[in-house]
Amino acid sequence: MLDGAKIESDVGRLKILHASHLSRRYALEDKILKEYPPPGRSSG
């Protein structure tokens, strides 16, 4: 039973880390697109 609790704890921690990773990734993608717009597009 203790192993199951440890696994659930680890899964919860990994879900939080995954969400943090995605948040940082999307923030970086937004920053890149704002600073380096694709050719042929204006920056706004």
N, C-alpha and C. Protein backbone atom coordinates (compact mmCIF):
# COMPACT_ATOMS: atom_id res chain seq x y z
N MET A 1 0.83 -1.20 0.00
CA MET A 1 0.00 0.00 0.00
C MET A 1 0.87 1.26 0.00
N LEU A 2 1.98 1.21 0.69
CA LEU A 2 2.88 2.35 0.74
C LEU A 2 3.46 2.66 -0.64
N ASP A 3 3.76 1.62 -1.42
CA ASP A 3 4.29 1.81 -2.76
C ASP A 3 3.26 2.53 -3.65
N GLY A 4 2.00 2.20 -3.51
CA GLY A 4 0.96 2.85 -4.29
C GLY A 4 0.88 4.33 -3.99
N ALA A 5 1.02 4.69 -2.73
CA ALA A 5 1.00 6.10 -2.34
C ALA A 5 2.21 6.83 -2.91
N LYS A 6 3.36 6.16 -2.90
CA LYS A 6 4.58 6.76 -3.45
C LYS A 6 4.41 6.98 -4.95
N ILE A 7 3.84 6.01 -5.64
CA ILE A 7 3.63 6.14 -7.08
C ILE A 7 2.67 7.29 -7.37
N GLU A 8 1.59 7.37 -6.63
CA GLU A 8 0.63 8.46 -6.83
C GLU A 8 1.28 9.81 -6.59
N SER A 9 2.12 9.88 -5.56
CA SER A 9 2.84 11.12 -5.27
C SER A 9 3.77 11.49 -6.41
N ASP A 10 4.50 10.49 -6.91
CA ASP A 10 5.42 10.73 -8.02
C ASP A 10 4.68 11.16 -9.28
N VAL A 11 3.55 10.53 -9.55
CA VAL A 11 2.76 10.90 -10.73
C VAL A 11 2.26 12.33 -10.60
N GLY A 12 1.80 12.70 -9.43
CA GLY A 12 1.35 14.08 -9.20
C GLY A 12 2.47 15.08 -9.41
N ARG A 13 3.65 14.74 -8.91
CA ARG A 13 4.82 15.62 -9.07
C ARG A 13 5.18 15.74 -10.55
N LEU A 14 5.15 14.63 -11.27
CA LEU A 14 5.47 14.68 -12.70
C LEU A 14 4.44 15.48 -13.49
N LYS A 15 3.17 15.40 -13.11
CA LYS A 15 2.14 16.19 -13.79
C LYS A 15 2.40 17.68 -13.60
N ILE A 16 2.80 18.07 -12.38
CA ILE A 16 3.12 19.47 -12.10
C ILE A 16 4.34 19.91 -12.92
N LEU A 17 5.36 19.07 -12.95
CA LEU A 17 6.55 19.40 -13.73
C LEU A 17 6.22 19.53 -15.22
N HIS A 18 5.36 18.65 -15.72
CA HIS A 18 4.96 18.68 -17.12
C HIS A 18 4.22 19.98 -17.43
N ALA A 19 3.30 20.36 -16.56
CA ALA A 19 2.55 21.60 -16.77
C ALA A 19 3.49 22.80 -16.75
N SER A 20 4.45 22.80 -15.85
CA SER A 20 5.42 23.89 -15.78
C SER A 20 6.26 23.94 -17.06
N HIS A 21 6.67 22.79 -17.52
CA HIS A 21 7.46 22.71 -18.76
C HIS A 21 6.69 23.28 -19.94
N LEU A 22 5.43 22.87 -20.08
CA LEU A 22 4.62 23.37 -21.18
C LEU A 22 4.42 24.88 -21.09
N SER A 23 4.20 25.38 -19.88
CA SER A 23 4.01 26.81 -19.69
C SER A 23 5.24 27.58 -20.13
N ARG A 24 6.41 27.11 -19.72
CA ARG A 24 7.65 27.77 -20.12
C ARG A 24 7.87 27.67 -21.62
N ARG A 25 7.56 26.52 -22.18
CA ARG A 25 7.73 26.33 -23.63
C ARG A 25 6.86 27.31 -24.41
N TYR A 26 5.59 27.41 -24.05
CA TYR A 26 4.69 28.30 -24.77
C TYR A 26 5.08 29.76 -24.57
N ALA A 27 5.56 30.11 -23.37
CA ALA A 27 6.02 31.47 -23.13
C ALA A 27 7.22 31.80 -24.02
N LEU A 28 8.13 30.86 -24.15
CA LEU A 28 9.29 31.08 -25.02
C LEU A 28 8.88 31.17 -26.48
N GLU A 29 7.94 30.33 -26.90
CA GLU A 29 7.47 30.39 -28.28
C GLU A 29 6.84 31.75 -28.57
N ASP A 30 6.04 32.26 -27.63
CA ASP A 30 5.42 33.57 -27.81
C ASP A 30 6.49 34.66 -27.90
N LYS A 31 7.48 34.58 -27.04
CA LYS A 31 8.56 35.57 -27.05
C LYS A 31 9.32 35.54 -28.37
N ILE A 32 9.61 34.35 -28.85
CA ILE A 32 10.32 34.21 -30.12
C ILE A 32 9.50 34.81 -31.27
N LEU A 33 8.22 34.50 -31.30
CA LEU A 33 7.38 35.01 -32.38
C LEU A 33 7.25 36.53 -32.34
N LYS A 34 7.28 37.11 -31.14
CA LYS A 34 7.18 38.57 -31.02
C LYS A 34 8.49 39.24 -31.43
N GLU A 35 9.62 38.64 -31.06
CA GLU A 35 10.91 39.24 -31.35
C GLU A 35 11.41 38.91 -32.76
N TYR A 36 11.03 37.75 -33.27
CA TYR A 36 11.48 37.31 -34.59
C TYR A 36 10.28 36.84 -35.40
N PRO A 37 9.48 37.79 -35.89
CA PRO A 37 8.29 37.36 -36.66
C PRO A 37 8.70 36.63 -37.93
N PRO A 38 7.86 35.73 -38.39
CA PRO A 38 8.16 35.00 -39.64
C PRO A 38 8.31 35.99 -40.80
N PRO A 39 9.12 35.67 -41.79
CA PRO A 39 9.28 36.55 -42.94
C PRO A 39 7.94 36.83 -43.62
N GLY A 40 7.74 38.09 -44.00
CA GLY A 40 6.53 38.45 -44.69
C GLY A 40 5.39 38.88 -43.77
N ARG A 41 5.65 38.87 -42.49
CA ARG A 41 4.61 39.31 -41.53
C ARG A 41 5.13 40.48 -40.72
N SER A 42 4.24 41.39 -40.40
CA SER A 42 4.65 42.52 -39.57
C SER A 42 4.54 42.13 -38.10
N SER A 43 5.25 42.84 -37.24
CA SER A 43 5.25 42.49 -35.81
C SER A 43 4.07 43.11 -35.08
N GLY A 44 3.18 43.77 -35.77
CA GLY A 44 1.98 44.25 -35.13
C GLY A 44 1.90 45.69 -35.13
